[in-house]
Amino acid sequence: MTTPPDRSHLTTEKRNPRSTNLHALSAAECVALIHREDRHAFDAVGRAERRITAFIEAAEPGFLAGGRLVYVGAGTSGRLGVLDASEAPPTFQVPPDRIIGIIAGGDAALRTSSEGKEDHPEGARSALEALSLTPRDAVIAIAAGGTTPYALGALTYCKSLPNPPLTALLCCASVEQPPDCDHLIILKTGPEVLAGSTRMKAGTATKMTLNIISTTLMVRSGRAYENLMVDVRATNDKLRDRAARIVASLTRLPRESCFELLDRAGGAVKTAVVMHRLALDRANAESAIEAAGGRLGEILPRP
C-alpha cells in the first residue's frame, strides 16, 4: 500500500491552539469553546463575499437560460451539497434536475460513511456524463481541504468536454487554484476545535455559502417577491399554512379567503396573488406570470 500524501500543511488539518485542553473541559466549557470557534465560520464567509459574488454573477446567465447548478463532493462536503440541492424543489418549486447534488458513494453515503470513495479522481465521471453538461451549467466541487481527488477529478472531467460548464472549487484551506477551476472560493475557517473534524467550522461555513449561492440564484430567477418564497410548493400542512400567509400578506385577504383563493389557483401562490390583485381568472393569471418570466415585480402594480 502506498503512503498517502502529507496534508499536514492544510489549516483544516492543523491543531487549534485554543482547544488543546479539549479533553479536560466540562460540558459547559465545551459548549462555550465550540460556540466561540463557530464565529470564525461566519467571518470566513464574509471575507469570501467578493469571490462568492463573482461566481454567482458568472453562473447567473446560464442558470437563467435553463442551465443547472451541480454540487460534487465526498463525505461531509458531498452531504452538504445534496442537502442544499434537495431543499430547492419544495422551497422554490424548481424542478429537481436544476440543482443537483452528487456524492461519492451515491445515496447510500448520505447515511453510511464511504470516505474511501473520495480517493478516486474518476469517481464522479459516470454521474457527470449522465447529465450531458453544457456551457449553461455550473459545477461546484466541494472539498474542505481543497485536495479531495473525487472533487478535483470532477473539475478535470468537466474541462475535458468540448463545451465545458463553468467550474468552481469551494474549500476551507488555502490552496493553489487548480487548472480546471474557473472560480476558487476559499473560506478560511482555520483549525477545528477537534483537529481535522471538518464537519464543524468548515462544514458550517460551507453550508452557509451553498445557501447563499442557491438562494441568490433563485432570487435572481424571479422565485422570490419582496422577501417571500412565492414559489413555495404546498405539499404539507406547514407549507399550506405558509402559502396562505404569503397570499394574505400580498392581498390583505382574511385567512379563510386565502385558502379558497389558493384552491382556485391550483395551490400556486403567484397565481393566487395575481388573480386577486389584477382581477384575472386562473388561466389569464398564469399567462401573465409566464409572460413576465415568473417575476411578480414585473406584474403587480407598484404601491
C-alpha atoms as a PDB file:
ATOM      1  CA  MET A   1       0.000   0.000   0.000  1.00  0.00           C
ATOM      2  CA  THR A   2       1.372   3.405  -0.970  1.00  0.00           C
ATOM      3  CA  THR A   3       1.906   6.172   1.568  1.00  0.00           C
ATOM      4  CA  PRO A   4      -0.850   8.829   1.346  1.00  0.00           C
ATOM      5  CA  PRO A   5       0.044  12.460   0.624  1.00  0.00           C
ATOM      6  CA  ASP A   6       1.063  14.552   3.622  1.00  0.00           C
ATOM      7  CA  ARG A   7      -1.765  17.034   4.282  1.00  0.00           C
ATOM      8  CA  SER A   8      -0.347  18.481   7.497  1.00  0.00           C
ATOM      9  CA  HIS A   9       0.191  21.864   5.844  1.00  0.00           C
ATOM     10  CA  LEU A  10      -3.559  22.396   5.399  1.00  0.00           C
ATOM     11  CA  THR A  11      -5.109  24.663   8.023  1.00  0.00           C
ATOM     12  CA  THR A  12      -8.136  22.369   8.215  1.00  0.00           C
ATOM     13  CA  GLU A  13      -5.801  19.606   9.449  1.00  0.00           C
ATOM     14  CA  LYS A  14      -3.767  21.620  11.943  1.00  0.00           C
ATOM     15  CA  ARG A  15      -4.251  21.651  15.700  1.00  0.00           C
ATOM     16  CA  ASN A  16      -6.154  24.574  17.164  1.00  0.00           C
ATOM     17  CA  PRO A  17      -4.083  26.237  19.900  1.00  0.00           C
ATOM     18  CA  ARG A  18      -7.276  27.384  21.624  1.00  0.00           C
ATOM     19  CA  SER A  19      -8.560  23.845  22.188  1.00  0.00           C
ATOM     20  CA  THR A  20      -5.519  21.840  23.248  1.00  0.00           C
ATOM     21  CA  ASN A  21      -7.148  21.051  26.620  1.00  0.00           C
ATOM     22  CA  LEU A  22     -10.412  19.946  24.990  1.00  0.00           C
ATOM     23  CA  HIS A  23     -10.346  16.543  26.694  1.00  0.00           C
ATOM     24  CA  ALA A  24     -10.393  18.162  30.135  1.00  0.00           C
ATOM     25  CA  LEU A  25     -13.270  20.599  29.616  1.00  0.00           C
ATOM     26  CA  SER A  26     -16.662  20.395  31.274  1.00  0.00           C
ATOM     27  CA  ALA A  27     -19.801  20.236  29.163  1.00  0.00           C
ATOM     28  CA  ALA A  28     -20.394  23.952  29.675  1.00  0.00           C
ATOM     29  CA  GLU A  29     -16.807  24.768  28.715  1.00  0.00           C
ATOM     30  CA  CYS A  30     -17.071  22.621  25.560  1.00  0.00           C
ATOM     31  CA  VAL A  31     -20.245  24.417  24.534  1.00  0.00           C
ATOM     32  CA  ALA A  32     -18.700  27.849  25.100  1.00  0.00           C
ATOM     33  CA  LEU A  33     -15.498  26.983  23.249  1.00  0.00           C
ATOM     34  CA  ILE A  34     -17.229  25.481  20.228  1.00  0.00           C
ATOM     35  CA  HIS A  35     -19.604  28.450  20.069  1.00  0.00           C
ATOM     36  CA  ARG A  36     -16.694  30.887  20.114  1.00  0.00           C
ATOM     37  CA  GLU A  37     -14.911  28.981  17.383  1.00  0.00           C
ATOM     38  CA  ASP A  38     -18.031  28.764  15.206  1.00  0.00           C
ATOM     39  CA  ARG A  39     -17.935  32.541  14.876  1.00  0.00           C
ATOM     40  CA  HIS A  40     -14.901  32.051  12.641  1.00  0.00           C
ATOM     41  CA  ALA A  41     -17.152  30.282  10.127  1.00  0.00           C
ATOM     42  CA  PHE A  42     -19.343  33.364   9.797  1.00  0.00           C
ATOM     43  CA  ASP A  43     -16.326  35.634   9.429  1.00  0.00           C
ATOM     44  CA  ALA A  44     -14.769  33.339   6.816  1.00  0.00           C
ATOM     45  CA  VAL A  45     -17.841  33.609   4.607  1.00  0.00           C
ATOM     46  CA  GLY A  46     -17.769  37.386   4.972  1.00  0.00           C
ATOM     47  CA  ARG A  47     -14.176  37.544   3.798  1.00  0.00           C
ATOM     48  CA  ALA A  48     -15.092  35.463   0.740  1.00  0.00           C
ATOM     49  CA  GLU A  49     -18.049  37.623  -0.330  1.00  0.00           C
ATOM     50  CA  ARG A  50     -16.273  39.026  -3.380  1.00  0.00           C
ATOM     51  CA  ARG A  51     -15.382  35.603  -4.755  1.00  0.00           C
ATOM     52  CA  ILE A  52     -18.818  34.181  -3.994  1.00  0.00           C
ATOM     53  CA  THR A  53     -20.389  37.105  -5.819  1.00  0.00           C
ATOM     54  CA  ALA A  54     -18.090  36.666  -8.811  1.00  0.00           C
ATOM     55  CA  PHE A  55     -19.097  33.030  -9.146  1.00  0.00           C
ATOM     56  CA  ILE A  56     -22.819  33.786  -8.885  1.00  0.00           C
ATOM     57  CA  GLU A  57     -22.566  36.552 -11.475  1.00  0.00           C
ATOM     58  CA  ALA A  58     -20.756  34.177 -13.839  1.00  0.00           C
ATOM     59  CA  ALA A  59     -23.271  31.371 -13.270  1.00  0.00           C
ATOM     60  CA  GLU A  60     -26.423  33.509 -13.452  1.00  0.00           C
ATOM     61  CA  PRO A  61     -26.769  33.935 -17.258  1.00  0.00           C
ATOM     62  CA  GLY A  62     -26.517  30.208 -17.861  1.00  0.00           C
ATOM     63  CA  PHE A  63     -28.849  29.361 -14.993  1.00  0.00           C
ATOM     64  CA  LEU A  64     -31.470  31.837 -16.197  1.00  0.00           C
ATOM     65  CA  ALA A  65     -31.222  30.246 -19.642  1.00  0.00           C
ATOM     66  CA  GLY A  66     -32.125  26.851 -18.183  1.00  0.00           C
ATOM     67  CA  GLY A  67     -28.727  25.658 -17.008  1.00  0.00           C
ATOM     68  CA  ARG A  68     -28.102  23.666 -13.859  1.00  0.00           C
ATOM     69  CA  LEU A  69     -26.153  24.087 -10.640  1.00  0.00           C
ATOM     70  CA  VAL A  70     -24.282  20.888  -9.779  1.00  0.00           C
ATOM     71  CA  TYR A  71     -22.541  20.154  -6.483  1.00  0.00           C
ATOM     72  CA  VAL A  72     -19.892  17.404  -6.297  1.00  0.00           C
ATOM     73  CA  GLY A  73     -18.229  16.239  -3.096  1.00  0.00           C
ATOM     74  CA  ALA A  74     -17.342  13.393  -0.760  1.00  0.00           C
ATOM     75  CA  GLY A  75     -18.162  12.854   2.906  1.00  0.00           C
ATOM     76  CA  THR A  76     -19.494  15.912   4.721  1.00  0.00           C
ATOM     77  CA  SER A  77     -18.890  18.100   1.672  1.00  0.00           C
ATOM     78  CA  GLY A  78     -20.969  15.821  -0.520  1.00  0.00           C
ATOM     79  CA  ARG A  79     -23.758  15.558   2.049  1.00  0.00           C
ATOM     80  CA  LEU A  80     -23.983  19.340   2.308  1.00  0.00           C
ATOM     81  CA  GLY A  81     -24.277  19.624  -1.470  1.00  0.00           C
ATOM     82  CA  VAL A  82     -27.037  17.013  -1.611  1.00  0.00           C
ATOM     83  CA  LEU A  83     -28.813  18.723   1.294  1.00  0.00           C
ATOM     84  CA  ASP A  84     -28.848  22.107  -0.417  1.00  0.00           C
ATOM     85  CA  ALA A  85     -29.973  20.596  -3.715  1.00  0.00           C
ATOM     86  CA  SER A  86     -32.768  18.574  -2.113  1.00  0.00           C
ATOM     87  CA  GLU A  87     -34.257  21.618  -0.386  1.00  0.00           C
ATOM     88  CA  ALA A  88     -34.605  23.709  -3.552  1.00  0.00           C
ATOM     89  CA  PRO A  89     -37.702  21.990  -5.048  1.00  0.00           C
ATOM     90  CA  PRO A  90     -40.071  22.449  -2.062  1.00  0.00           C
ATOM     91  CA  THR A  91     -38.795  25.939  -1.268  1.00  0.00           C
ATOM     92  CA  PHE A  92     -38.728  27.381  -4.777  1.00  0.00           C
ATOM     93  CA  GLN A  93     -40.747  24.886  -6.854  1.00  0.00           C
ATOM     94  CA  VAL A  94     -37.699  24.451  -9.070  1.00  0.00           C
ATOM     95  CA  PRO A  95     -37.518  21.104 -10.902  1.00  0.00           C
ATOM     96  CA  PRO A  96     -35.226  18.638  -9.091  1.00  0.00           C
ATOM     97  CA  ASP A  97     -32.907  18.471 -12.100  1.00  0.00           C
ATOM     98  CA  ARG A  98     -31.965  22.172 -11.872  1.00  0.00           C
ATOM     99  CA  ILE A  99     -29.901  21.945  -8.670  1.00  0.00           C
ATOM    100  CA  ILE A 100     -28.176  18.583  -8.336  1.00  0.00           C
ATOM    101  CA  GLY A 101     -26.027  17.042  -5.617  1.00  0.00           C
ATOM    102  CA  ILE A 102     -23.528  14.279  -6.448  1.00  0.00           C
ATOM    103  CA  ILE A 103     -21.826  12.477  -3.562  1.00  0.00           C
ATOM    104  CA  ALA A 104     -19.059   9.894  -3.595  1.00  0.00           C
ATOM    105  CA  GLY A 105     -20.623   6.523  -2.866  1.00  0.00           C
ATOM    106  CA  GLY A 106     -24.076   7.554  -4.064  1.00  0.00           C
ATOM    107  CA  ASP A 107     -27.191   7.996  -1.949  1.00  0.00           C
ATOM    108  CA  ALA A 108     -26.070   5.287   0.488  1.00  0.00           C
ATOM    109  CA  ALA A 109     -23.231   7.621   1.550  1.00  0.00           C
ATOM    110  CA  LEU A 110     -25.790  10.065   2.963  1.00  0.00           C
ATOM    111  CA  ARG A 111     -26.273   7.700   5.917  1.00  0.00           C
ATOM    112  CA  THR A 112     -23.229   5.435   5.895  1.00  0.00           C
ATOM    113  CA  SER A 113     -19.652   6.640   5.698  1.00  0.00           C
ATOM    114  CA  SER A 114     -17.934   5.824   2.406  1.00  0.00           C
ATOM    115  CA  GLU A 115     -14.911   8.077   2.692  1.00  0.00           C
ATOM    116  CA  GLY A 116     -12.765   5.579   0.764  1.00  0.00           C
ATOM    117  CA  LYS A 117     -14.594   6.632  -2.382  1.00  0.00           C
ATOM    118  CA  GLU A 118     -13.121  10.114  -2.181  1.00  0.00           C
ATOM    119  CA  ASP A 119      -9.684   8.905  -3.291  1.00  0.00           C
ATOM    120  CA  HIS A 120     -10.860   8.132  -6.836  1.00  0.00           C
ATOM    121  CA  PRO A 121     -10.495  11.080  -9.246  1.00  0.00           C
ATOM    122  CA  GLU A 122     -12.710   9.324 -11.813  1.00  0.00           C
ATOM    123  CA  GLY A 123     -15.402   8.567  -9.227  1.00  0.00           C
ATOM    124  CA  ALA A 124     -17.872  11.253 -10.324  1.00  0.00           C
ATOM    125  CA  ARG A 125     -17.368  10.732 -14.046  1.00  0.00           C
ATOM    126  CA  SER A 126     -20.361   8.464 -14.736  1.00  0.00           C
ATOM    127  CA  ALA A 127     -22.749  10.701 -12.782  1.00  0.00           C
ATOM    128  CA  LEU A 128     -21.489  13.765 -14.635  1.00  0.00           C
ATOM    129  CA  GLU A 129     -21.620  12.016 -18.008  1.00  0.00           C
ATOM    130  CA  ALA A 130     -25.283  11.234 -17.392  1.00  0.00           C
ATOM    131  CA  LEU A 131     -26.005  14.970 -17.096  1.00  0.00           C
ATOM    132  CA  SER A 132     -24.722  15.832 -20.608  1.00  0.00           C
ATOM    133  CA  LEU A 133     -23.244  19.063 -19.293  1.00  0.00           C
ATOM    134  CA  THR A 134     -23.274  22.259 -21.364  1.00  0.00           C
ATOM    135  CA  PRO A 135     -21.749  25.751 -21.002  1.00  0.00           C
ATOM    136  CA  ARG A 136     -25.006  26.878 -19.363  1.00  0.00           C
ATOM    137  CA  ASP A 137     -24.298  24.615 -16.377  1.00  0.00           C
ATOM    138  CA  ALA A 138     -22.133  25.391 -13.344  1.00  0.00           C
ATOM    139  CA  VAL A 139     -20.320  22.680 -11.381  1.00  0.00           C
ATOM    140  CA  ILE A 140     -19.011  23.319  -7.868  1.00  0.00           C
ATOM    141  CA  ALA A 141     -16.516  20.855  -6.417  1.00  0.00           C
ATOM    142  CA  ILE A 142     -16.740  20.968  -2.624  1.00  0.00           C
ATOM    143  CA  ALA A 143     -13.732  19.857  -0.568  1.00  0.00           C
ATOM    144  CA  ALA A 144     -12.913  21.243   2.865  1.00  0.00           C
ATOM    145  CA  GLY A 145      -9.158  20.799   2.444  1.00  0.00           C
ATOM    146  CA  GLY A 146      -9.236  21.514  -1.278  1.00  0.00           C
ATOM    147  CA  THR A 147      -7.359  18.311  -2.179  1.00  0.00           C
ATOM    148  CA  THR A 148     -10.011  15.585  -2.463  1.00  0.00           C
ATOM    149  CA  PRO A 149      -9.302  13.595  -5.666  1.00  0.00           C
ATOM    150  CA  TYR A 150     -13.019  12.828  -6.216  1.00  0.00           C
ATOM    151  CA  ALA A 151     -13.912  16.535  -6.227  1.00  0.00           C
ATOM    152  CA  LEU A 152     -10.896  17.714  -8.222  1.00  0.00           C
ATOM    153  CA  GLY A 153     -11.366  14.891 -10.713  1.00  0.00           C
ATOM    154  CA  ALA A 154     -14.882  16.151 -11.365  1.00  0.00           C
ATOM    155  CA  LEU A 155     -13.443  19.519 -12.442  1.00  0.00           C
ATOM    156  CA  THR A 156     -10.892  17.802 -14.696  1.00  0.00           C
ATOM    157  CA  TYR A 157     -13.650  15.833 -16.385  1.00  0.00           C
ATOM    158  CA  CYS A 158     -15.759  18.962 -16.879  1.00  0.00           C
ATOM    159  CA  LYS A 159     -12.950  20.848 -18.576  1.00  0.00           C
ATOM    160  CA  SER A 160     -12.180  17.869 -20.836  1.00  0.00           C
ATOM    161  CA  LEU A 161     -15.538  18.333 -22.551  1.00  0.00           C
ATOM    162  CA  PRO A 162     -15.704  20.101 -25.951  1.00  0.00           C
ATOM    163  CA  ASN A 163     -18.131  22.661 -24.500  1.00  0.00           C
ATOM    164  CA  PRO A 164     -17.378  22.680 -20.785  1.00  0.00           C
ATOM    165  CA  PRO A 165     -19.532  24.078 -17.984  1.00  0.00           C
ATOM    166  CA  LEU A 166     -18.459  26.809 -15.585  1.00  0.00           C
ATOM    167  CA  THR A 167     -16.430  25.283 -12.755  1.00  0.00           C
ATOM    168  CA  ALA A 168     -15.608  26.263  -9.184  1.00  0.00           C
ATOM    169  CA  LEU A 169     -13.827  24.821  -6.159  1.00  0.00           C
ATOM    170  CA  LEU A 170     -15.277  25.624  -2.731  1.00  0.00           C
ATOM    171  CA  CYS A 171     -12.832  24.828   0.065  1.00  0.00           C
ATOM    172  CA  CYS A 172     -11.761  25.941   3.534  1.00  0.00           C
ATOM    173  CA  ALA A 173      -7.963  25.845   3.224  1.00  0.00           C
ATOM    174  CA  SER A 174      -5.559  27.996   1.238  1.00  0.00           C
ATOM    175  CA  VAL A 175      -4.711  26.067  -1.935  1.00  0.00           C
ATOM    176  CA  GLU A 176      -3.500  26.983  -5.385  1.00  0.00           C
ATOM    177  CA  GLN A 177      -6.229  27.388  -7.957  1.00  0.00           C
ATOM    178  CA  PRO A 178      -6.498  24.109  -9.917  1.00  0.00           C
ATOM    179  CA  PRO A 179      -6.043  24.463 -13.698  1.00  0.00           C
ATOM    180  CA  ASP A 180      -9.570  23.149 -14.340  1.00  0.00           C
ATOM    181  CA  CYS A 181     -11.220  25.587 -11.925  1.00  0.00           C
ATOM    182  CA  ASP A 182     -12.715  28.852 -13.186  1.00  0.00           C
ATOM    183  CA  HIS A 183     -13.543  30.178  -9.709  1.00  0.00           C
ATOM    184  CA  LEU A 184     -11.764  29.417  -6.453  1.00  0.00           C
ATOM    185  CA  ILE A 185     -13.745  30.207  -3.287  1.00  0.00           C
ATOM    186  CA  ILE A 186     -11.745  29.813  -0.083  1.00  0.00           C
ATOM    187  CA  LEU A 187     -13.451  30.011   3.315  1.00  0.00           C
ATOM    188  CA  LYS A 188     -10.577  30.464   5.764  1.00  0.00           C
ATOM    189  CA  THR A 189     -12.169  28.889   8.838  1.00  0.00           C
ATOM    190  CA  GLY A 190      -8.887  27.871  10.458  1.00  0.00           C
ATOM    191  CA  PRO A 191      -8.118  24.761  12.528  1.00  0.00           C
ATOM    192  CA  GLU A 192     -11.060  22.887  14.021  1.00  0.00           C
ATOM    193  CA  VAL A 193     -11.759  22.523  17.750  1.00  0.00           C
ATOM    194  CA  LEU A 194     -11.236  18.799  17.179  1.00  0.00           C
ATOM    195  CA  ALA A 195      -8.297  18.675  14.787  1.00  0.00           C
ATOM    196  CA  GLY A 196      -9.342  17.606  11.287  1.00  0.00           C
ATOM    197  CA  SER A 197     -13.073  17.376  12.064  1.00  0.00           C
ATOM    198  CA  THR A 198     -14.185  19.492   9.129  1.00  0.00           C
ATOM    199  CA  ARG A 199     -17.852  18.736   9.763  1.00  0.00           C
ATOM    200  CA  MET A 200     -17.550  21.569  12.305  1.00  0.00           C
ATOM    201  CA  LYS A 201     -16.430  25.087  11.284  1.00  0.00           C
ATOM    202  CA  ALA A 202     -15.611  24.118   7.714  1.00  0.00           C
ATOM    203  CA  GLY A 203     -18.965  22.371   7.328  1.00  0.00           C
ATOM    204  CA  THR A 204     -20.840  25.308   8.822  1.00  0.00           C
ATOM    205  CA  ALA A 205     -19.151  27.827   6.533  1.00  0.00           C
ATOM    206  CA  THR A 206     -19.698  25.557   3.535  1.00  0.00           C
ATOM    207  CA  LYS A 207     -23.410  25.233   4.222  1.00  0.00           C
ATOM    208  CA  MET A 208     -23.722  28.995   4.651  1.00  0.00           C
ATOM    209  CA  THR A 209     -22.047  29.536   1.292  1.00  0.00           C
ATOM    210  CA  LEU A 210     -24.172  26.971  -0.545  1.00  0.00           C
ATOM    211  CA  ASN A 211     -27.272  28.626   0.951  1.00  0.00           C
ATOM    212  CA  ILE A 212     -26.070  31.984  -0.354  1.00  0.00           C
ATOM    213  CA  ILE A 213     -25.321  30.676  -3.846  1.00  0.00           C
ATOM    214  CA  SER A 214     -28.540  28.740  -4.388  1.00  0.00           C
ATOM    215  CA  THR A 215     -30.824  31.306  -2.747  1.00  0.00           C
ATOM    216  CA  THR A 216     -29.300  34.187  -4.697  1.00  0.00           C
ATOM    217  CA  LEU A 217     -29.729  32.326  -7.981  1.00  0.00           C
ATOM    218  CA  MET A 218     -33.342  31.592  -7.046  1.00  0.00           C
ATOM    219  CA  VAL A 219     -33.990  35.249  -6.202  1.00  0.00           C
ATOM    220  CA  ARG A 220     -32.329  36.401  -9.411  1.00  0.00           C
ATOM    221  CA  SER A 221     -34.515  33.997 -11.397  1.00  0.00           C
ATOM    222  CA  GLY A 222     -37.707  35.523 -10.004  1.00  0.00           C
ATOM    223  CA  ARG A 223     -38.541  32.886  -7.407  1.00  0.00           C
ATOM    224  CA  ALA A 224     -38.982  35.414  -4.609  1.00  0.00           C
ATOM    225  CA  TYR A 225     -41.041  38.582  -4.277  1.00  0.00           C
ATOM    226  CA  GLU A 226     -40.115  41.075  -1.572  1.00  0.00           C
ATOM    227  CA  ASN A 227     -38.707  38.597   0.969  1.00  0.00           C
ATOM    228  CA  LEU A 228     -41.364  35.942   0.443  1.00  0.00           C
ATOM    229  CA  MET A 229     -40.968  32.471  -1.088  1.00  0.00           C
ATOM    230  CA  VAL A 230     -43.778  32.935  -3.596  1.00  0.00           C
ATOM    231  CA  ASP A 231     -42.881  29.721  -5.424  1.00  0.00           C
ATOM    232  CA  VAL A 232     -43.251  27.552  -2.310  1.00  0.00           C
ATOM    233  CA  ARG A 233     -44.829  24.173  -3.026  1.00  0.00           C
ATOM    234  CA  ALA A 234     -47.621  23.498  -0.519  1.00  0.00           C
ATOM    235  CA  THR A 235     -47.028  19.779  -0.064  1.00  0.00           C
ATOM    236  CA  ASN A 236     -47.923  19.515   3.641  1.00  0.00           C
ATOM    237  CA  ASP A 237     -49.888  21.392   6.298  1.00  0.00           C
ATOM    238  CA  LYS A 238     -46.936  23.563   7.295  1.00  0.00           C
ATOM    239  CA  LEU A 239     -46.298  24.712   3.728  1.00  0.00           C
ATOM    240  CA  ARG A 240     -50.019  25.144   3.017  1.00  0.00           C
ATOM    241  CA  ASP A 241     -50.222  27.405   6.043  1.00  0.00           C
ATOM    242  CA  ARG A 242     -47.164  29.327   4.846  1.00  0.00           C
ATOM    243  CA  ALA A 243     -48.641  29.699   1.364  1.00  0.00           C
ATOM    244  CA  ALA A 244     -51.850  31.126   2.807  1.00  0.00           C
ATOM    245  CA  ARG A 245     -49.916  33.572   4.973  1.00  0.00           C
ATOM    246  CA  ILE A 246     -47.910  34.742   1.952  1.00  0.00           C
ATOM    247  CA  VAL A 247     -51.100  35.285  -0.011  1.00  0.00           C
ATOM    248  CA  ALA A 248     -52.595  37.182   2.941  1.00  0.00           C
ATOM    249  CA  SER A 249     -49.515  39.398   3.161  1.00  0.00           C
ATOM    250  CA  LEU A 250     -49.742  40.329  -0.522  1.00  0.00           C
ATOM    251  CA  THR A 251     -53.533  40.607  -0.835  1.00  0.00           C
ATOM    252  CA  ARG A 252     -54.726  41.634   2.655  1.00  0.00           C
ATOM    253  CA  LEU A 253     -57.432  38.973   2.411  1.00  0.00           C
ATOM    254  CA  PRO A 254     -58.701  37.098   5.508  1.00  0.00           C
ATOM    255  CA  ARG A 255     -57.077  33.713   6.162  1.00  0.00           C
ATOM    256  CA  GLU A 256     -60.013  31.571   5.033  1.00  0.00           C
ATOM    257  CA  SER A 257     -60.351  33.591   1.837  1.00  0.00           C
ATOM    258  CA  CYS A 258     -56.678  32.936   1.124  1.00  0.00           C
ATOM    259  CA  PHE A 259     -57.212  29.180   1.274  1.00  0.00           C
ATOM    260  CA  GLU A 260     -60.168  29.493  -1.063  1.00  0.00           C
ATOM    261  CA  LEU A 261     -58.134  31.625  -3.464  1.00  0.00           C
ATOM    262  CA  LEU A 262     -55.247  29.142  -3.350  1.00  0.00           C
ATOM    263  CA  ASP A 263     -57.623  26.308  -4.192  1.00  0.00           C
ATOM    264  CA  ARG A 264     -58.908  28.223  -7.216  1.00  0.00           C
ATOM    265  CA  ALA A 265     -55.298  28.916  -8.213  1.00  0.00           C
ATOM    266  CA  GLY A 266     -54.340  25.242  -8.091  1.00  0.00           C
ATOM    267  CA  GLY A 267     -52.272  25.817  -4.955  1.00  0.00           C
ATOM    268  CA  ALA A 268     -49.896  28.271  -6.674  1.00  0.00           C
ATOM    269  CA  VAL A 269     -49.099  31.343  -4.577  1.00  0.00           C
ATOM    270  CA  LYS A 270     -48.098  33.535  -7.524  1.00  0.00           C
ATOM    271  CA  THR A 271     -51.226  32.669  -9.452  1.00  0.00           C
ATOM    272  CA  ALA A 272     -53.435  33.351  -6.439  1.00  0.00           C
ATOM    273  CA  VAL A 273     -51.869  36.753  -5.843  1.00  0.00           C
ATOM    274  CA  VAL A 274     -52.103  37.827  -9.492  1.00  0.00           C
ATOM    275  CA  MET A 275     -55.700  36.597  -9.741  1.00  0.00           C
ATOM    276  CA  HIS A 276     -56.711  38.794  -6.818  1.00  0.00           C
ATOM    277  CA  ARG A 277     -54.545  41.850  -7.441  1.00  0.00           C
ATOM    278  CA  LEU A 278     -55.320  42.081 -11.182  1.00  0.00           C
ATOM    279  CA  ALA A 279     -58.838  40.607 -11.081  1.00  0.00           C
ATOM    280  CA  LEU A 280     -57.937  37.821 -13.515  1.00  0.00           C
ATOM    281  CA  ASP A 281     -59.096  34.242 -13.814  1.00  0.00           C
ATOM    282  CA  ARG A 282     -56.575  31.441 -13.319  1.00  0.00           C
ATOM    283  CA  ALA A 283     -55.711  30.945 -16.994  1.00  0.00           C
ATOM    284  CA  ASN A 284     -55.046  34.638 -17.622  1.00  0.00           C
ATOM    285  CA  ALA A 285     -53.092  34.969 -14.395  1.00  0.00           C
ATOM    286  CA  GLU A 286     -50.884  32.044 -15.375  1.00  0.00           C
ATOM    287  CA  SER A 287     -50.337  33.574 -18.811  1.00  0.00           C
ATOM    288  CA  ALA A 288     -49.332  36.902 -17.261  1.00  0.00           C
ATOM    289  CA  ILE A 289     -46.864  35.169 -14.959  1.00  0.00           C
ATOM    290  CA  GLU A 290     -45.343  33.191 -17.811  1.00  0.00           C
ATOM    291  CA  ALA A 291     -45.008  36.329 -19.954  1.00  0.00           C
ATOM    292  CA  ALA A 292     -43.131  38.041 -17.114  1.00  0.00           C
ATOM    293  CA  GLY A 293     -40.733  35.137 -16.662  1.00  0.00           C
ATOM    294  CA  GLY A 294     -42.282  34.379 -13.292  1.00  0.00           C
ATOM    295  CA  ARG A 295     -41.318  37.744 -11.832  1.00  0.00           C
ATOM    296  CA  LEU A 296     -44.132  39.184  -9.738  1.00  0.00           C
ATOM    297  CA  GLY A 297     -42.332  42.503  -9.545  1.00  0.00           C
ATOM    298  CA  GLU A 298     -42.968  42.984 -13.265  1.00  0.00           C
ATOM    299  CA  ILE A 299     -46.684  42.190 -12.970  1.00  0.00           C
ATOM    300  CA  LEU A 300     -48.024  43.718  -9.793  1.00  0.00           C
ATOM    301  CA  PRO A 301     -48.760  47.441  -9.663  1.00  0.00           C
ATOM    302  CA  ARG A 302     -46.313  49.384  -7.560  1.00  0.00           C
ATOM    303  CA  PRO A 303     -47.686  50.604  -4.215  1.00  0.00           C
END
